[in-house]
């Protein structure tokens, strides 16, 4: 974990910003173990070059920036997954940047809101990047999420009351995660996160 550092929500480095140079920096510093992820990183950077600050707005098409979090309790090695109320899929916490190019802050904010856990800290740099298609059944229709993914560290034994965005929550190990998650990106994020924390 020597190349990583944890930041709490009040850290000045996580202040929201409309400056696209911030998301560019977060993308460039991401520690990606898979060469395919580096290709995806450059695809997201190309979108950023084209759209600039607007890429953090959820109305920007064909896609926009999002931040996701692998919430992990290092004391148990378990990760938190949520059964998404709209999508009916087991996923990691995450969501729209909503104008904010500080994607580490976005990931931490979304993890805190969706898990209900206080005292979370985000690990930087990011450990994964993904582009995936989503359709929430609203006016936006099908579009792309350009997702930068971070590890978020939970206090030992944390309870996750969640919020309205999920209908169930579970702390799971990898074998249970394999049975729940239908997206290989969730497993890839799990493995990258454990490596970042020196747990595997």
Protein backbone atom coordinates (compact mmCIF):
# COMPACT_ATOMS: atom_id res chain seq x y z
CA UNK A 1 0.00 0.00 0.00
CA UNK A 2 3.06 2.26 -0.06
CA UNK A 3 1.99 4.09 -3.24
CA UNK A 4 -1.51 4.77 -1.89
CA UNK A 5 -2.80 7.24 0.66
CA UNK A 6 -6.17 7.62 2.38
CA UNK A 7 -8.15 10.84 2.41
CA UNK A 8 -11.10 11.68 4.67
CA UNK A 9 -14.12 13.59 3.40
CA UNK A 10 -12.95 16.88 4.92
CA UNK A 11 -9.53 16.73 3.23
CA UNK A 12 -8.97 19.86 1.09
CA UNK A 13 -7.73 17.65 -1.77
CA UNK A 14 -11.31 16.38 -2.17
CA UNK A 15 -12.90 19.81 -2.60
CA UNK A 16 -15.37 19.82 -5.51
CA UNK A 17 -14.13 21.51 -8.68
CA UNK A 18 -15.40 22.20 -12.19
CA UNK A 19 -11.83 22.09 -13.49
CA UNK A 20 -11.45 19.17 -15.96
CA UNK A 21 -7.70 19.11 -15.28
CA UNK A 22 -8.55 17.49 -11.93
CA UNK A 23 -10.31 14.48 -13.44
CA UNK A 24 -7.54 14.25 -16.03
CA UNK A 25 -4.97 14.07 -13.23
CA UNK A 26 -6.97 11.41 -11.39
CA UNK A 27 -7.20 9.36 -14.59
CA UNK A 28 -3.49 9.67 -15.36
CA UNK A 29 -2.38 8.73 -11.83
CA UNK A 30 -4.68 5.68 -11.59
CA UNK A 31 -2.81 2.46 -10.81
CA UNK A 32 -4.06 -0.02 -13.40
CA UNK A 33 -2.75 -3.59 -13.40
CA UNK A 34 -4.40 -4.61 -16.66
CA UNK A 35 -3.18 -3.23 -20.05
CA UNK A 36 -6.80 -3.30 -21.29
CA UNK A 37 -7.70 -0.84 -18.52
CA UNK A 38 -5.03 1.52 -19.84
CA UNK A 39 -6.79 1.47 -23.22
CA UNK A 40 -10.06 2.34 -21.46
CA UNK A 41 -8.30 5.13 -19.55
CA UNK A 42 -7.25 6.70 -22.88
CA UNK A 43 -10.80 6.38 -24.22
CA UNK A 44 -12.08 8.33 -21.21
CA UNK A 45 -9.32 10.91 -21.67
CA UNK A 46 -10.43 11.33 -25.30
CA UNK A 47 -14.00 12.05 -24.12
CA UNK A 48 -12.57 14.55 -21.64
CA UNK A 49 -10.56 16.26 -24.37
CA UNK A 50 -13.71 16.55 -26.48
CA UNK A 51 -16.16 17.73 -23.81
CA UNK A 52 -14.02 19.43 -21.15
CA UNK A 53 -15.85 20.52 -18.00
CA UNK A 54 -19.19 19.36 -19.43
CA UNK A 55 -18.11 15.71 -19.19
CA UNK A 56 -18.94 15.84 -15.46
CA UNK A 57 -22.58 16.77 -16.21
CA UNK A 58 -25.06 13.89 -16.35
CA UNK A 59 -26.77 15.38 -19.42
CA UNK A 60 -23.60 15.18 -21.56
CA UNK A 61 -23.94 12.53 -24.26
CA UNK A 62 -23.04 9.94 -25.39
CA UNK A 63 -21.75 9.61 -21.83
CA UNK A 64 -20.43 11.30 -18.72
CA UNK A 65 -18.11 10.85 -15.76
CA UNK A 66 -19.02 8.77 -12.74
CA UNK A 67 -17.14 7.68 -9.64
CA UNK A 68 -17.40 4.26 -8.00
CA UNK A 69 -16.16 2.80 -4.74
CA UNK A 70 -15.12 -0.64 -3.60
CA UNK A 71 -16.06 -0.30 0.08
CA UNK A 72 -13.90 -2.73 2.02
CA UNK A 73 -13.47 -3.53 5.70
CA UNK A 74 -9.75 -4.36 5.96
CA UNK A 75 -10.27 -6.09 9.33
CA UNK A 76 -12.39 -8.81 7.69
CA UNK A 77 -11.40 -8.41 4.04
CA UNK A 78 -15.09 -8.25 3.11
CA UNK A 79 -16.51 -5.81 0.55
CA UNK A 80 -19.90 -4.13 0.47
CA UNK A 81 -22.25 -4.71 -2.46
CA UNK A 82 -25.68 -3.18 -2.93
CA UNK A 83 -28.73 -4.58 -4.71
CA UNK A 84 -29.59 -1.55 -6.85
CA UNK A 85 -33.29 -0.69 -6.57
CA UNK A 86 -33.74 0.37 -10.21
CA UNK A 87 -31.31 -1.96 -11.98
CA UNK A 88 -31.96 -5.03 -9.75
CA UNK A 89 -28.26 -5.89 -9.90
CA UNK A 90 -25.59 -6.31 -7.24
CA UNK A 91 -23.12 -3.45 -7.67
CA UNK A 92 -20.55 -1.38 -5.84
CA UNK A 93 -21.62 2.09 -4.65
CA UNK A 94 -21.14 4.88 -7.15
CA UNK A 95 -22.82 7.58 -9.14
CA UNK A 96 -22.78 10.69 -11.27
CA UNK A 97 -20.14 13.37 -10.87
CA UNK A 98 -22.87 16.04 -11.09
CA UNK A 99 -20.43 18.71 -12.26
CA UNK A 100 -17.57 17.72 -9.93
CA UNK A 101 -14.24 16.74 -11.53
CA UNK A 102 -12.77 15.59 -8.20
CA UNK A 103 -13.68 11.96 -8.82
CA UNK A 104 -12.10 10.66 -5.62
CA UNK A 105 -14.48 12.95 -3.75
CA UNK A 106 -17.38 11.78 -5.92
CA UNK A 107 -16.63 8.13 -5.13
CA UNK A 108 -16.36 8.85 -1.39
CA UNK A 109 -19.57 10.92 -1.36
CA UNK A 110 -21.50 8.22 -3.22
CA UNK A 111 -20.14 5.48 -0.96
CA UNK A 112 -21.14 7.44 2.14
CA UNK A 113 -24.63 8.24 0.84
CA UNK A 114 -25.40 4.77 -0.49
CA UNK A 115 -23.91 2.75 2.38
CA UNK A 116 -24.93 5.01 5.26
CA UNK A 117 -21.52 4.40 6.85
CA UNK A 118 -19.83 7.30 8.64
CA UNK A 119 -16.05 7.68 8.75
CA UNK A 120 -15.22 6.23 5.34
CA UNK A 121 -11.90 7.18 3.73
CA UNK A 122 -10.96 7.03 0.05
CA UNK A 123 -7.70 5.52 -1.15
CA UNK A 124 -5.90 7.39 -3.92
CA UNK A 125 -4.94 6.87 -6.66
CA UNK A 126 -7.82 5.03 -8.33
CA UNK A 127 -7.44 1.30 -9.02
CA UNK A 128 -9.76 0.74 -12.00
CA UNK A 129 -11.49 2.51 -14.86
CA UNK A 130 -14.47 1.24 -16.82
CA UNK A 131 -16.84 2.29 -19.59
CA UNK A 132 -20.25 0.65 -19.51
CA UNK A 133 -23.70 1.21 -20.98
CA UNK A 134 -26.60 2.04 -18.68
CA UNK A 135 -30.30 2.75 -19.12
CA UNK A 136 -32.17 3.98 -16.06
CA UNK A 137 -35.47 4.10 -17.96
CA UNK A 138 -35.56 7.90 -17.93
CA UNK A 139 -35.36 10.66 -20.55
CA UNK A 140 -31.61 10.17 -21.00
CA UNK A 141 -32.10 6.69 -22.46
CA UNK A 142 -29.13 4.41 -22.97
CA UNK A 143 -25.78 6.11 -22.47
CA UNK A 144 -22.23 5.55 -21.25
CA UNK A 145 -20.82 5.84 -17.77
CA UNK A 146 -17.13 6.73 -17.85
CA UNK A 147 -16.34 5.35 -14.42
CA UNK A 148 -13.20 5.94 -12.36
CA UNK A 149 -13.08 3.47 -9.47
CA UNK A 150 -11.51 3.87 -6.04
CA UNK A 151 -11.07 1.80 -2.89
CA UNK A 152 -12.96 3.20 0.08
CA UNK A 153 -11.93 1.96 3.51
CA UNK A 154 -14.64 1.30 6.11
CA UNK A 155 -14.21 1.27 9.89
CA UNK A 156 -13.85 -2.23 11.33
CA UNK A 157 -17.19 -3.99 11.71
CA UNK A 158 -19.16 -1.11 10.19
CA UNK A 159 -22.92 -1.52 9.82
CA UNK A 160 -24.30 -0.39 6.44
CA UNK A 161 -27.89 0.87 6.82
CA UNK A 162 -27.96 2.01 3.17
CA UNK A 163 -30.48 4.38 1.61
CA UNK A 164 -33.38 4.35 -0.87
CA UNK A 165 -31.13 3.53 -3.84
CA UNK A 166 -30.66 -0.09 -2.76
CA UNK A 167 -33.04 -2.78 -1.55
CA UNK A 168 -30.40 -4.98 0.06
CA UNK A 169 -26.78 -4.75 1.19
CA UNK A 170 -24.23 -7.44 1.95
CA UNK A 171 -20.65 -7.71 3.16
CA UNK A 172 -19.16 -10.50 1.03
CA UNK A 173 -15.95 -12.29 0.18
CA UNK A 174 -14.87 -13.09 -3.36
CA UNK A 175 -16.63 -16.46 -3.65
CA UNK A 176 -19.99 -14.99 -2.66
CA UNK A 177 -19.36 -11.99 -4.90
CA UNK A 178 -18.87 -14.35 -7.85
CA UNK A 179 -22.38 -15.69 -7.26
CA UNK A 180 -24.00 -12.27 -6.92
CA UNK A 181 -22.31 -10.00 -9.44
CA UNK A 182 -23.13 -10.45 -13.12
CA UNK A 183 -20.60 -7.80 -14.19
CA UNK A 184 -16.99 -9.01 -14.48
CA UNK A 185 -15.91 -5.44 -13.73
CA UNK A 186 -17.11 -5.84 -10.14
CA UNK A 187 -14.80 -8.84 -9.65
CA UNK A 188 -11.94 -6.99 -11.34
CA UNK A 189 -12.46 -4.05 -8.99
CA UNK A 190 -12.57 -6.41 -5.99
CA UNK A 191 -9.24 -7.96 -6.92
CA UNK A 192 -7.58 -4.61 -7.65
CA UNK A 193 -8.83 -3.19 -4.36
CA UNK A 194 -7.52 -6.08 -2.29
CA UNK A 195 -4.14 -5.79 -3.99
CA UNK A 196 -4.03 -2.05 -3.25
CA UNK A 197 -4.58 -2.77 0.45
CA UNK A 198 -2.08 -5.63 0.47
CA UNK A 199 -4.80 -8.18 1.27
CA UNK A 200 -4.07 -10.57 -1.61
